[in-house]
């Protein structure tokens, strides 16, 4: 149903994703209609039906909401289709299970009118919200939501306390800038992460969460499945935490191992020798590969529009292009090859007989490591150059 006056454009579109919500959909539409009417908001209600097999569609039509059929399954797919069909300058989204009170819409609209690009509801007391008894499972309230909300603040600097809240408002212009891709439950967190990375103005408003009013079926959200999918998406959006930081730690441990093993130090009863060098080289090789994957992932994500441009990566490519990478690789291969030839010379001096392995391994292990790092750098330099080519 549209609430616009004849001469006024629609200001607010309320989009409700729907999959078999016959128990609660009518109440949600009525509350949204009442909120718009009582606060003189020119708006419309759009129900994005995602394959309902119950009477949800008939209820939405009876309540004079505009029904949009979304064939591709998934929470994110339903919202994408509903938002694409929305006519308003502002879009409010909220689940159709009556756990969110659509009478709180005016508080969100007020913040949008004041200039916010994204207004996130907060159900948790940390952000001033409240949760009615039985409205949120124990693990969601005390473990999952606080943990992921902490990560989104720490990793992406999003100023929110409730990352999973499904009642939120945003400008349609911002939504179009974000170019969202996730078709599942990650859609909600994708919006927050991308909005933060793009520098959009984000505001949080306290809301009250009520118990799920549906009786015909269980909630669509699955605790462990959707929790893992959220964590996976967080990692994908942050190559720094997924690849770069662990890789740097491995290289650090490897270099520390070289520091004590090359001179054969004894610390207490422990002697650091050739075996320590082998373990250290393994750590360096794995860490270096980890960091290369950080560069690959970041380059690909930015080129394909998953993440916004990163000035740090741009500065890196200004300092290190394909040609410089090949020069560095050549130096590493030549240095490593020189060490390996030194070891071969030691073998030749013994008449190709028995070697002092504790001595010669100090040439062989670093030499082999440098050669491997050099070849990794050659192939990686070409590969990241290919990734960085923008498609027309």
Foldseek 3Di string as FASTA:
>chain_A
DWQADPPDFAAEEEEEEDAALVQFQLVQLVQLVCLCVVVVHGHAYEYQYADHPDCNVVSCVVSVHHYHYFDDDAPQSSVVRRLVPGRHQKYKYDYRQPQFRSNCVVVQVVVVVVPAAKEAEDQAVVQPHHEDPQADDPCCHPPLQQVVQVLCCVQLVQPDRGQQHGTMMGGSVLVVLLPDDDRYSLRSNLSRRQCSLVVGGYHYDYGYGYHRSDDPDDDPDDVPVVSVVNVVVSCLQHLCVVFQVQLVVLLVQLVVLCVQALVQDDDPNDTRFLVSNQSSLVSNVRSVVSNLVSLLSVLLCCLVSSHPDDVVNVVVCVVDALVNLLVQLVVLLVQLVVLVVVLVVQCVVVVVDDDPCRPSSSSNSSSVSSNVVSVVSNVSNVVSVVSNDHDD
